[in-house]
């Protein structure tokens, strides 16, 4: 939770407070299962976001400054980490 809050403060406008709140809930549930699931879920969330948004920027469908919600990637990363457990 503190890491996401630091990202919000360091890069204003990139993540919303809703993302920080969701991160707290998702990461608490992930850490309850295991630390490996927690760290894998965080990593997979950022990797999923990169794999989805990079081609969209390359193809010109969105611009570099376009705001993309991070919540679906965060949830997808957590689910992927649980499935791979």
C-alpha atoms as a PDB file:
ATOM      1  CA  UNK A   1       0.000   0.000   0.000  1.00  0.00           C
ATOM      2  CA  UNK A   2       2.823   2.380   0.882  1.00  0.00           C
ATOM      3  CA  UNK A   3       4.582   1.657  -2.415  1.00  0.00           C
ATOM      4  CA  UNK A   4       1.522   2.562  -4.466  1.00  0.00           C
ATOM      5  CA  UNK A   5       0.953   5.669  -2.354  1.00  0.00           C
ATOM      6  CA  UNK A   6       4.563   6.675  -3.013  1.00  0.00           C
ATOM      7  CA  UNK A   7       3.934   6.240  -6.755  1.00  0.00           C
ATOM      8  CA  UNK A   8       0.868   8.492  -6.523  1.00  0.00           C
ATOM      9  CA  UNK A   9       2.849  11.178  -4.731  1.00  0.00           C
ATOM     10  CA  UNK A  10       5.942  10.869  -6.933  1.00  0.00           C
ATOM     11  CA  UNK A  11       4.049  10.863 -10.247  1.00  0.00           C
ATOM     12  CA  UNK A  12       0.824  12.838  -9.803  1.00  0.00           C
ATOM     13  CA  UNK A  13      -1.912  11.963 -12.250  1.00  0.00           C
ATOM     14  CA  UNK A  14      -0.540   8.545 -13.184  1.00  0.00           C
ATOM     15  CA  UNK A  15      -2.308   6.460 -10.531  1.00  0.00           C
ATOM     16  CA  UNK A  16      -5.484   7.354  -8.710  1.00  0.00           C
ATOM     17  CA  UNK A  17      -6.360   6.974  -5.064  1.00  0.00           C
ATOM     18  CA  UNK A  18      -8.818   4.247  -6.077  1.00  0.00           C
ATOM     19  CA  UNK A  19      -5.896   2.231  -7.421  1.00  0.00           C
ATOM     20  CA  UNK A  20      -4.108   2.658  -4.089  1.00  0.00           C
ATOM     21  CA  UNK A  21      -7.167   1.494  -2.143  1.00  0.00           C
ATOM     22  CA  UNK A  22      -7.628  -1.511  -4.410  1.00  0.00           C
ATOM     23  CA  UNK A  23      -3.923  -2.317  -4.116  1.00  0.00           C
ATOM     24  CA  UNK A  24      -4.256  -2.455  -0.352  1.00  0.00           C
ATOM     25  CA  UNK A  25      -7.109  -4.953  -0.543  1.00  0.00           C
ATOM     26  CA  UNK A  26      -5.605  -7.105  -3.294  1.00  0.00           C
ATOM     27  CA  UNK A  27      -2.149  -7.180  -1.758  1.00  0.00           C
ATOM     28  CA  UNK A  28      -3.531  -7.994   1.697  1.00  0.00           C
ATOM     29  CA  UNK A  29      -5.409 -10.959   0.263  1.00  0.00           C
ATOM     30  CA  UNK A  30      -2.357 -12.047  -1.758  1.00  0.00           C
ATOM     31  CA  UNK A  31      -0.007 -11.816   1.195  1.00  0.00           C
ATOM     32  CA  UNK A  32      -2.430 -13.883   3.277  1.00  0.00           C
ATOM     33  CA  UNK A  33      -1.838 -16.742   0.826  1.00  0.00           C
ATOM     34  CA  UNK A  34       1.941 -16.329   0.551  1.00  0.00           C
ATOM     35  CA  UNK A  35       4.668 -13.768  -0.010  1.00  0.00           C
ATOM     36  CA  UNK A  36       5.489 -15.348  -3.365  1.00  0.00           C
ATOM     37  CA  UNK A  37       1.927 -14.746  -4.577  1.00  0.00           C
ATOM     38  CA  UNK A  38       2.149 -11.157  -3.357  1.00  0.00           C
ATOM     39  CA  UNK A  39       5.356 -10.358  -5.239  1.00  0.00           C
ATOM     40  CA  UNK A  40       4.327 -12.297  -8.349  1.00  0.00           C
ATOM     41  CA  UNK A  41       0.978 -10.487  -8.416  1.00  0.00           C
ATOM     42  CA  UNK A  42       2.665  -7.083  -8.303  1.00  0.00           C
ATOM     43  CA  UNK A  43       5.102  -8.063 -11.045  1.00  0.00           C
ATOM     44  CA  UNK A  44       2.435  -9.648 -13.245  1.00  0.00           C
ATOM     45  CA  UNK A  45       0.214  -6.573 -12.907  1.00  0.00           C
ATOM     46  CA  UNK A  46       2.889  -4.264 -14.273  1.00  0.00           C
ATOM     47  CA  UNK A  47       3.890  -6.761 -16.972  1.00  0.00           C
ATOM     48  CA  UNK A  48       0.269  -7.155 -18.114  1.00  0.00           C
ATOM     49  CA  UNK A  49      -0.122  -3.384 -18.268  1.00  0.00           C
ATOM     50  CA  UNK A  50       3.015  -3.108 -20.398  1.00  0.00           C
ATOM     51  CA  UNK A  51       1.957  -5.916 -22.753  1.00  0.00           C
ATOM     52  CA  UNK A  52      -1.444  -4.340 -23.335  1.00  0.00           C
ATOM     53  CA  UNK A  53      -0.571  -0.650 -23.545  1.00  0.00           C
ATOM     54  CA  UNK A  54       2.729  -0.813 -25.461  1.00  0.00           C
ATOM     55  CA  UNK A  55       1.163  -2.200 -28.661  1.00  0.00           C
ATOM     56  CA  UNK A  56      -1.699   0.304 -28.392  1.00  0.00           C
ATOM     57  CA  UNK A  57       0.784   3.175 -28.234  1.00  0.00           C
ATOM     58  CA  UNK A  58       2.855   1.694 -31.066  1.00  0.00           C
ATOM     59  CA  UNK A  59      -0.191   1.318 -33.304  1.00  0.00           C
ATOM     60  CA  UNK A  60      -1.350   4.845 -32.526  1.00  0.00           C
ATOM     61  CA  UNK A  61      -4.611   3.741 -30.887  1.00  0.00           C
ATOM     62  CA  UNK A  62      -3.737   5.681 -27.731  1.00  0.00           C
ATOM     63  CA  UNK A  63      -1.196   8.401 -27.027  1.00  0.00           C
ATOM     64  CA  UNK A  64       1.631   8.182 -24.552  1.00  0.00           C
ATOM     65  CA  UNK A  65      -0.148  10.567 -22.164  1.00  0.00           C
ATOM     66  CA  UNK A  66      -3.491   8.731 -22.310  1.00  0.00           C
ATOM     67  CA  UNK A  67      -4.657   7.630 -18.870  1.00  0.00           C
ATOM     68  CA  UNK A  68      -5.252   3.886 -18.721  1.00  0.00           C
ATOM     69  CA  UNK A  69      -6.925   2.389 -15.623  1.00  0.00           C
ATOM     70  CA  UNK A  70      -4.528   0.168 -13.708  1.00  0.00           C
ATOM     71  CA  UNK A  71      -7.135  -1.735 -11.652  1.00  0.00           C
ATOM     72  CA  UNK A  72      -7.848  -4.439 -14.285  1.00  0.00           C
ATOM     73  CA  UNK A  73      -4.139  -5.171 -14.634  1.00  0.00           C
ATOM     74  CA  UNK A  74      -3.695  -5.281 -10.865  1.00  0.00           C
ATOM     75  CA  UNK A  75      -6.553  -7.762 -10.493  1.00  0.00           C
ATOM     76  CA  UNK A  76      -5.380  -9.780 -13.505  1.00  0.00           C
ATOM     77  CA  UNK A  77      -1.871  -9.999 -12.086  1.00  0.00           C
ATOM     78  CA  UNK A  78      -3.194 -11.213  -8.743  1.00  0.00           C
ATOM     79  CA  UNK A  79      -5.381 -13.853 -10.399  1.00  0.00           C
ATOM     80  CA  UNK A  80      -2.512 -14.971 -12.633  1.00  0.00           C
ATOM     81  CA  UNK A  81      -0.233 -15.294  -9.589  1.00  0.00           C
ATOM     82  CA  UNK A  82      -2.868 -17.392  -7.801  1.00  0.00           C
ATOM     83  CA  UNK A  83      -3.370 -19.639 -10.813  1.00  0.00           C
ATOM     84  CA  UNK A  84       0.366 -20.178 -11.248  1.00  0.00           C
ATOM     85  CA  UNK A  85       0.761 -21.048  -7.561  1.00  0.00           C
END
